[in-house]
N, C-alpha and C. Protein backbone atom coordinates (compact mmCIF):
# COMPACT_ATOMS: atom_id res chain seq x y z
N MET A 1 5.67 -3.87 -43.02
CA MET A 1 4.94 -3.83 -41.77
C MET A 1 5.76 -3.12 -40.70
N SER A 2 5.13 -2.23 -39.98
CA SER A 2 5.86 -1.47 -38.94
C SER A 2 5.88 -2.26 -37.63
N LYS A 3 6.91 -1.98 -36.87
CA LYS A 3 7.05 -2.60 -35.55
C LYS A 3 6.06 -1.97 -34.57
N PRO A 4 5.42 -2.78 -33.69
CA PRO A 4 4.54 -2.19 -32.70
C PRO A 4 5.35 -1.38 -31.68
N LEU A 5 4.76 -0.30 -31.20
CA LEU A 5 5.43 0.52 -30.21
C LEU A 5 5.52 -0.21 -28.87
N ALA A 6 6.68 -0.08 -28.24
CA ALA A 6 6.86 -0.69 -26.91
C ALA A 6 6.10 0.17 -25.89
N VAL A 7 5.51 -0.48 -24.93
CA VAL A 7 4.69 0.19 -23.94
C VAL A 7 5.30 -0.01 -22.54
N ALA A 8 5.22 1.02 -21.74
CA ALA A 8 5.70 0.91 -20.37
C ALA A 8 4.83 -0.08 -19.62
N GLN A 9 5.42 -0.80 -18.69
CA GLN A 9 4.69 -1.79 -17.90
C GLN A 9 4.66 -1.36 -16.44
N THR A 10 3.59 -1.70 -15.76
CA THR A 10 3.42 -1.32 -14.35
C THR A 10 3.42 -2.56 -13.47
N ILE A 11 4.12 -2.45 -12.35
CA ILE A 11 4.15 -3.53 -11.36
C ILE A 11 3.67 -2.93 -10.04
N LYS A 12 2.76 -3.64 -9.36
CA LYS A 12 2.27 -3.20 -8.06
C LYS A 12 2.75 -4.19 -7.02
N LEU A 13 3.42 -3.69 -5.99
CA LEU A 13 3.93 -4.55 -4.92
C LEU A 13 3.66 -3.90 -3.55
N ILE A 14 3.60 -4.71 -2.53
CA ILE A 14 3.61 -4.22 -1.16
C ILE A 14 4.90 -4.74 -0.52
N ILE A 15 5.73 -3.79 -0.10
CA ILE A 15 7.08 -4.10 0.36
C ILE A 15 7.29 -3.51 1.74
N PRO A 16 7.91 -4.23 2.67
CA PRO A 16 8.18 -3.64 3.98
C PRO A 16 9.14 -2.44 3.87
N ALA A 17 8.82 -1.36 4.55
CA ALA A 17 9.63 -0.14 4.50
C ALA A 17 11.08 -0.43 4.93
N GLY A 18 12.00 0.02 4.09
CA GLY A 18 13.42 -0.13 4.39
C GLY A 18 13.96 -1.54 4.30
N LYS A 19 13.15 -2.49 3.82
CA LYS A 19 13.57 -3.89 3.80
C LYS A 19 13.43 -4.54 2.43
N ALA A 20 13.50 -3.75 1.38
CA ALA A 20 13.41 -4.33 0.04
C ALA A 20 14.70 -5.10 -0.25
N THR A 21 14.56 -6.32 -0.71
CA THR A 21 15.70 -7.15 -1.09
C THR A 21 15.41 -7.78 -2.45
N PRO A 22 16.42 -8.24 -3.16
CA PRO A 22 16.17 -8.85 -4.47
C PRO A 22 15.56 -10.24 -4.42
N THR A 23 15.04 -10.64 -3.27
CA THR A 23 14.36 -11.91 -3.14
C THR A 23 12.88 -11.72 -3.46
N PRO A 24 12.10 -12.80 -3.57
CA PRO A 24 10.67 -12.64 -3.86
C PRO A 24 10.01 -11.74 -2.82
N PRO A 25 9.08 -10.94 -3.17
CA PRO A 25 8.45 -10.78 -4.48
C PRO A 25 9.16 -9.79 -5.40
N VAL A 26 10.10 -9.01 -4.85
CA VAL A 26 10.71 -7.92 -5.64
C VAL A 26 11.57 -8.46 -6.79
N GLY A 27 12.51 -9.34 -6.49
CA GLY A 27 13.46 -9.83 -7.51
C GLY A 27 12.78 -10.42 -8.71
N PRO A 28 11.91 -11.43 -8.55
CA PRO A 28 11.27 -12.03 -9.70
C PRO A 28 10.39 -11.06 -10.50
N ALA A 29 9.66 -10.19 -9.80
CA ALA A 29 8.77 -9.25 -10.48
C ALA A 29 9.55 -8.29 -11.38
N LEU A 30 10.68 -7.80 -10.87
CA LEU A 30 11.49 -6.87 -11.66
C LEU A 30 12.35 -7.61 -12.70
N GLY A 31 12.83 -8.78 -12.34
CA GLY A 31 13.66 -9.57 -13.23
C GLY A 31 12.94 -9.92 -14.51
N GLN A 32 11.65 -10.24 -14.40
CA GLN A 32 10.86 -10.56 -15.59
C GLN A 32 10.77 -9.39 -16.56
N LYS A 33 10.92 -8.18 -16.04
CA LYS A 33 10.84 -6.98 -16.88
C LYS A 33 12.21 -6.49 -17.29
N GLY A 34 13.27 -7.20 -16.86
CA GLY A 34 14.63 -6.84 -17.26
C GLY A 34 15.25 -5.73 -16.44
N VAL A 35 14.73 -5.48 -15.24
CA VAL A 35 15.24 -4.42 -14.37
C VAL A 35 16.14 -5.04 -13.31
N LYS A 36 17.24 -4.37 -13.01
CA LYS A 36 18.13 -4.83 -11.94
C LYS A 36 17.45 -4.55 -10.61
N SER A 37 17.09 -5.61 -9.91
CA SER A 37 16.36 -5.43 -8.66
C SER A 37 17.16 -4.75 -7.58
N MET A 38 18.47 -4.90 -7.60
CA MET A 38 19.30 -4.27 -6.57
C MET A 38 19.24 -2.74 -6.68
N ASP A 39 19.19 -2.21 -7.91
CA ASP A 39 19.05 -0.77 -8.10
C ASP A 39 17.74 -0.25 -7.49
N PHE A 40 16.65 -0.98 -7.75
CA PHE A 40 15.37 -0.61 -7.19
C PHE A 40 15.41 -0.68 -5.67
N CYS A 41 15.93 -1.77 -5.12
CA CYS A 41 15.96 -1.97 -3.67
C CYS A 41 16.68 -0.83 -2.96
N LYS A 42 17.81 -0.40 -3.50
CA LYS A 42 18.57 0.71 -2.88
C LYS A 42 17.72 1.98 -2.88
N GLN A 43 17.08 2.30 -3.98
CA GLN A 43 16.26 3.52 -4.05
C GLN A 43 15.03 3.42 -3.14
N PHE A 44 14.38 2.26 -3.15
CA PHE A 44 13.20 2.08 -2.31
C PHE A 44 13.55 2.20 -0.83
N ASN A 45 14.60 1.52 -0.41
CA ASN A 45 14.99 1.56 0.99
C ASN A 45 15.38 2.98 1.42
N ASP A 46 16.03 3.72 0.52
CA ASP A 46 16.41 5.07 0.83
C ASP A 46 15.15 5.95 0.98
N ARG A 47 14.20 5.76 0.08
CA ARG A 47 12.98 6.61 0.10
C ARG A 47 12.09 6.28 1.29
N THR A 48 12.13 5.04 1.77
CA THR A 48 11.21 4.64 2.86
C THR A 48 11.90 4.65 4.23
N LYS A 49 13.08 5.21 4.33
CA LYS A 49 13.75 5.22 5.64
C LYS A 49 13.07 6.13 6.64
N ILE A 50 12.13 6.96 6.19
CA ILE A 50 11.39 7.82 7.10
C ILE A 50 10.32 7.04 7.90
N TYR A 51 9.99 5.82 7.44
CA TYR A 51 8.98 5.00 8.11
C TYR A 51 9.68 4.05 9.08
N ILE A 52 8.86 3.53 10.02
CA ILE A 52 9.38 2.47 10.92
C ILE A 52 9.67 1.26 10.03
N PRO A 53 10.86 0.68 10.17
CA PRO A 53 11.20 -0.48 9.31
C PRO A 53 10.16 -1.61 9.45
N GLY A 54 9.77 -2.16 8.33
CA GLY A 54 8.85 -3.27 8.29
C GLY A 54 7.41 -2.91 8.01
N ILE A 55 7.03 -1.63 8.10
CA ILE A 55 5.66 -1.22 7.77
C ILE A 55 5.41 -1.52 6.31
N PRO A 56 4.32 -2.20 5.95
CA PRO A 56 4.07 -2.50 4.55
C PRO A 56 3.76 -1.21 3.77
N ILE A 57 4.48 -1.02 2.66
CA ILE A 57 4.30 0.17 1.83
C ILE A 57 3.84 -0.27 0.45
N SER A 58 2.74 0.29 -0.03
CA SER A 58 2.30 0.04 -1.41
C SER A 58 3.21 0.78 -2.36
N CYS A 59 3.60 0.10 -3.42
CA CYS A 59 4.55 0.69 -4.37
C CYS A 59 4.08 0.36 -5.78
N ARG A 60 4.12 1.35 -6.65
CA ARG A 60 3.79 1.14 -8.07
C ARG A 60 5.03 1.50 -8.88
N ILE A 61 5.54 0.52 -9.61
CA ILE A 61 6.76 0.67 -10.40
C ILE A 61 6.39 0.68 -11.86
N THR A 62 6.91 1.67 -12.59
CA THR A 62 6.68 1.77 -14.02
C THR A 62 8.01 1.45 -14.71
N VAL A 63 8.00 0.40 -15.54
CA VAL A 63 9.20 -0.02 -16.27
C VAL A 63 9.07 0.41 -17.73
N GLN A 64 10.00 1.21 -18.19
CA GLN A 64 9.99 1.70 -19.57
C GLN A 64 10.59 0.64 -20.50
N PRO A 65 10.32 0.73 -21.81
CA PRO A 65 10.86 -0.26 -22.75
C PRO A 65 12.39 -0.33 -22.74
N ASP A 66 13.07 0.74 -22.37
CA ASP A 66 14.53 0.72 -22.33
C ASP A 66 15.07 0.18 -20.99
N LYS A 67 14.20 -0.42 -20.18
CA LYS A 67 14.52 -1.08 -18.90
C LYS A 67 14.80 -0.09 -17.78
N THR A 68 14.56 1.18 -17.99
CA THR A 68 14.64 2.13 -16.88
C THR A 68 13.33 2.07 -16.11
N PHE A 69 13.33 2.53 -14.88
CA PHE A 69 12.12 2.46 -14.07
C PHE A 69 11.97 3.71 -13.22
N SER A 70 10.74 3.93 -12.83
CA SER A 70 10.41 4.95 -11.85
C SER A 70 9.37 4.34 -10.94
N PHE A 71 9.24 4.89 -9.75
CA PHE A 71 8.24 4.34 -8.86
C PHE A 71 7.75 5.42 -7.89
N PHE A 72 6.57 5.17 -7.35
CA PHE A 72 6.08 6.01 -6.26
C PHE A 72 5.50 5.12 -5.21
N THR A 73 5.55 5.62 -3.99
CA THR A 73 5.05 4.85 -2.85
C THR A 73 3.80 5.51 -2.32
N ARG A 74 3.02 4.70 -1.64
CA ARG A 74 1.80 5.14 -1.00
C ARG A 74 1.88 4.80 0.48
N SER A 75 0.90 5.26 1.22
CA SER A 75 0.85 4.93 2.64
C SER A 75 0.53 3.44 2.80
N PRO A 76 0.68 2.93 4.01
CA PRO A 76 0.36 1.51 4.25
C PRO A 76 -1.09 1.22 3.88
N PRO A 77 -1.42 -0.04 3.58
CA PRO A 77 -2.81 -0.40 3.26
C PRO A 77 -3.76 -0.06 4.39
N THR A 78 -4.98 0.30 4.06
CA THR A 78 -5.99 0.69 5.03
C THR A 78 -6.23 -0.44 6.03
N SER A 79 -6.30 -1.66 5.55
CA SER A 79 -6.55 -2.79 6.45
C SER A 79 -5.43 -2.93 7.50
N TRP A 80 -4.20 -2.69 7.11
CA TRP A 80 -3.08 -2.76 8.05
C TRP A 80 -3.19 -1.66 9.09
N LEU A 81 -3.54 -0.45 8.66
CA LEU A 81 -3.68 0.65 9.61
C LEU A 81 -4.81 0.39 10.60
N LEU A 82 -5.91 -0.17 10.12
CA LEU A 82 -7.02 -0.52 11.03
C LEU A 82 -6.61 -1.57 12.05
N LEU A 83 -5.91 -2.59 11.60
CA LEU A 83 -5.47 -3.65 12.52
C LEU A 83 -4.48 -3.09 13.54
N GLN A 84 -3.61 -2.19 13.10
CA GLN A 84 -2.66 -1.57 14.03
C GLN A 84 -3.39 -0.77 15.11
N ALA A 85 -4.43 -0.07 14.71
CA ALA A 85 -5.22 0.72 15.67
C ALA A 85 -5.87 -0.18 16.71
N LEU A 86 -6.22 -1.41 16.30
CA LEU A 86 -6.82 -2.35 17.22
C LEU A 86 -5.76 -3.19 17.96
N GLY A 87 -4.52 -3.20 17.47
CA GLY A 87 -3.48 -4.03 18.07
C GLY A 87 -3.65 -5.50 17.71
N LEU A 88 -4.19 -5.80 16.53
CA LEU A 88 -4.43 -7.17 16.11
C LEU A 88 -3.59 -7.53 14.89
N GLU A 89 -3.50 -8.82 14.62
CA GLU A 89 -2.73 -9.34 13.48
C GLU A 89 -3.58 -9.50 12.22
N LYS A 90 -4.86 -9.92 12.39
CA LYS A 90 -5.70 -10.15 11.20
C LYS A 90 -7.15 -9.83 11.50
N GLY A 91 -7.92 -9.68 10.43
CA GLY A 91 -9.33 -9.35 10.53
C GLY A 91 -10.17 -10.59 10.80
N SER A 92 -11.47 -10.40 10.83
CA SER A 92 -12.42 -11.46 11.12
C SER A 92 -12.52 -12.44 9.92
N SER A 93 -12.64 -13.71 10.21
CA SER A 93 -12.86 -14.69 9.15
C SER A 93 -14.33 -14.71 8.74
N LYS A 94 -15.20 -14.19 9.59
CA LYS A 94 -16.65 -14.09 9.29
C LYS A 94 -17.10 -12.68 9.64
N PRO A 95 -16.79 -11.69 8.77
CA PRO A 95 -17.06 -10.28 9.10
C PRO A 95 -18.51 -9.93 9.45
N GLY A 96 -19.47 -10.55 8.83
CA GLY A 96 -20.87 -10.22 9.13
C GLY A 96 -21.32 -10.80 10.45
N ILE A 97 -20.59 -11.81 10.95
CA ILE A 97 -21.03 -12.53 12.13
C ILE A 97 -20.06 -12.26 13.31
N GLU A 98 -18.79 -12.41 13.05
CA GLU A 98 -17.76 -12.30 14.10
C GLU A 98 -17.13 -10.91 14.09
N LYS A 99 -17.22 -10.23 15.20
CA LYS A 99 -16.62 -8.89 15.34
C LYS A 99 -15.27 -9.03 16.03
N ILE A 100 -14.28 -8.25 15.55
CA ILE A 100 -12.96 -8.37 16.16
C ILE A 100 -12.61 -7.18 17.04
N GLY A 101 -13.44 -6.12 17.00
CA GLY A 101 -13.15 -4.98 17.84
C GLY A 101 -13.95 -3.76 17.45
N GLN A 102 -13.65 -2.66 18.15
CA GLN A 102 -14.36 -1.40 17.89
C GLN A 102 -13.33 -0.29 17.75
N LEU A 103 -13.62 0.64 16.87
CA LEU A 103 -12.81 1.83 16.71
C LEU A 103 -13.73 3.05 16.75
N SER A 104 -13.20 4.12 17.25
CA SER A 104 -13.98 5.37 17.30
C SER A 104 -13.81 6.11 15.98
N LEU A 105 -14.67 7.09 15.76
CA LEU A 105 -14.55 7.94 14.57
C LEU A 105 -13.25 8.72 14.62
N LYS A 106 -12.74 8.99 15.79
CA LYS A 106 -11.46 9.69 15.93
C LYS A 106 -10.35 8.86 15.26
N HIS A 107 -10.35 7.52 15.49
CA HIS A 107 -9.37 6.65 14.84
C HIS A 107 -9.54 6.66 13.34
N ILE A 108 -10.81 6.60 12.89
CA ILE A 108 -11.10 6.57 11.45
C ILE A 108 -10.57 7.85 10.78
N TYR A 109 -10.81 9.01 11.40
CA TYR A 109 -10.35 10.25 10.80
C TYR A 109 -8.83 10.39 10.85
N ALA A 110 -8.20 9.81 11.86
CA ALA A 110 -6.72 9.82 11.90
C ALA A 110 -6.15 9.01 10.75
N ILE A 111 -6.76 7.84 10.49
CA ILE A 111 -6.33 7.01 9.36
C ILE A 111 -6.64 7.71 8.05
N ALA A 112 -7.78 8.39 7.98
CA ALA A 112 -8.16 9.11 6.75
C ALA A 112 -7.16 10.21 6.44
N GLN A 113 -6.62 10.87 7.45
CA GLN A 113 -5.63 11.90 7.21
C GLN A 113 -4.35 11.32 6.63
N ILE A 114 -3.99 10.13 7.05
CA ILE A 114 -2.81 9.43 6.48
C ILE A 114 -3.09 9.07 5.02
N LYS A 115 -4.27 8.47 4.77
CA LYS A 115 -4.60 7.99 3.43
C LYS A 115 -4.85 9.15 2.45
N GLN A 116 -5.27 10.30 2.96
CA GLN A 116 -5.57 11.43 2.08
C GLN A 116 -4.32 11.95 1.39
N LYS A 117 -3.15 11.64 1.89
CA LYS A 117 -1.89 12.08 1.29
C LYS A 117 -1.52 11.25 0.06
N ASP A 118 -2.17 10.12 -0.13
CA ASP A 118 -1.92 9.28 -1.30
C ASP A 118 -2.41 9.96 -2.57
N PRO A 119 -1.72 9.72 -3.70
CA PRO A 119 -2.16 10.33 -4.96
C PRO A 119 -3.61 10.04 -5.31
N ALA A 120 -4.10 8.86 -4.99
CA ALA A 120 -5.48 8.51 -5.32
C ALA A 120 -6.52 9.34 -4.57
N PHE A 121 -6.13 9.87 -3.40
CA PHE A 121 -7.08 10.61 -2.59
C PHE A 121 -6.76 12.09 -2.43
N GLU A 122 -5.75 12.57 -3.13
CA GLU A 122 -5.29 13.94 -2.86
C GLU A 122 -6.34 15.02 -3.13
N LYS A 123 -7.33 14.77 -3.99
CA LYS A 123 -8.38 15.76 -4.25
C LYS A 123 -9.72 15.32 -3.68
N THR A 124 -9.68 14.37 -2.75
CA THR A 124 -10.90 13.84 -2.15
C THR A 124 -11.06 14.47 -0.75
N GLU A 125 -12.29 14.81 -0.42
CA GLU A 125 -12.55 15.40 0.89
C GLU A 125 -12.28 14.37 2.00
N LEU A 126 -11.86 14.82 3.14
CA LEU A 126 -11.54 13.95 4.27
C LEU A 126 -12.73 13.07 4.66
N LYS A 127 -13.93 13.63 4.61
CA LYS A 127 -15.13 12.89 4.98
C LYS A 127 -15.34 11.69 4.02
N ALA A 128 -15.08 11.88 2.74
CA ALA A 128 -15.24 10.80 1.76
C ALA A 128 -14.20 9.72 1.97
N VAL A 129 -12.96 10.09 2.31
CA VAL A 129 -11.91 9.13 2.58
C VAL A 129 -12.30 8.34 3.84
N ALA A 130 -12.77 9.02 4.86
CA ALA A 130 -13.20 8.37 6.09
C ALA A 130 -14.33 7.38 5.84
N SER A 131 -15.25 7.74 4.96
CA SER A 131 -16.36 6.87 4.61
C SER A 131 -15.86 5.57 3.99
N GLN A 132 -14.87 5.65 3.13
CA GLN A 132 -14.29 4.46 2.52
C GLN A 132 -13.60 3.60 3.56
N ILE A 133 -12.95 4.24 4.53
CA ILE A 133 -12.26 3.50 5.59
C ILE A 133 -13.28 2.78 6.48
N VAL A 134 -14.42 3.43 6.75
CA VAL A 134 -15.49 2.79 7.51
C VAL A 134 -15.95 1.52 6.81
N GLY A 135 -16.10 1.58 5.48
CA GLY A 135 -16.52 0.41 4.70
C GLY A 135 -15.51 -0.72 4.81
N THR A 136 -14.24 -0.39 4.74
CA THR A 136 -13.17 -1.41 4.88
C THR A 136 -13.23 -2.01 6.29
N ALA A 137 -13.41 -1.17 7.29
CA ALA A 137 -13.46 -1.63 8.68
C ALA A 137 -14.63 -2.62 8.87
N ARG A 138 -15.77 -2.27 8.33
CA ARG A 138 -16.94 -3.16 8.48
C ARG A 138 -16.69 -4.50 7.78
N ASN A 139 -16.03 -4.47 6.62
CA ASN A 139 -15.73 -5.70 5.91
C ASN A 139 -14.71 -6.56 6.65
N MET A 140 -14.01 -5.98 7.59
CA MET A 140 -13.01 -6.72 8.39
C MET A 140 -13.62 -7.18 9.71
N GLY A 141 -14.85 -6.81 10.02
CA GLY A 141 -15.47 -7.18 11.30
C GLY A 141 -15.18 -6.20 12.40
N ILE A 142 -14.97 -4.93 12.04
CA ILE A 142 -14.70 -3.89 13.02
C ILE A 142 -15.93 -2.98 13.14
N ASP A 143 -16.41 -2.79 14.35
CA ASP A 143 -17.51 -1.87 14.60
C ASP A 143 -16.97 -0.46 14.77
N ILE A 144 -17.71 0.51 14.28
CA ILE A 144 -17.35 1.93 14.41
C ILE A 144 -18.30 2.56 15.42
N ILE A 145 -17.72 3.17 16.46
CA ILE A 145 -18.55 3.82 17.47
C ILE A 145 -18.30 5.34 17.41
N PRO A 146 -19.31 6.15 17.77
CA PRO A 146 -19.16 7.58 17.70
C PRO A 146 -18.10 8.14 18.65
């Protein structure tokens, strides 16, 4: 009987820019896969030093069977960007009923330009990215005004 082939594993985390430490959630997530979390933290912090410290950064880590890893970062989550534009901490607890604020299309397109740089959106038209952001905003209780 042949041995099954080892497969690379993927870990998705949201980590504050420049503030990765081997404590939860980073340490346990990488430790379970046999990766030294300190090595990852140094690389992540170095790569995210261009951002304001503490901004949440989406990160996808691929761990190979030989315990080596690679990762790429994305822009902050759309919900975080929307809340920052409003100057709020959290969205509505009753989005269909309770509104937390209004944003203009200018704000939506500014956020869309940030999100369009992500690998998931790199071949997507700006209008389509903006449309997805409008959907997220509505789900958070944010009205969009022209």
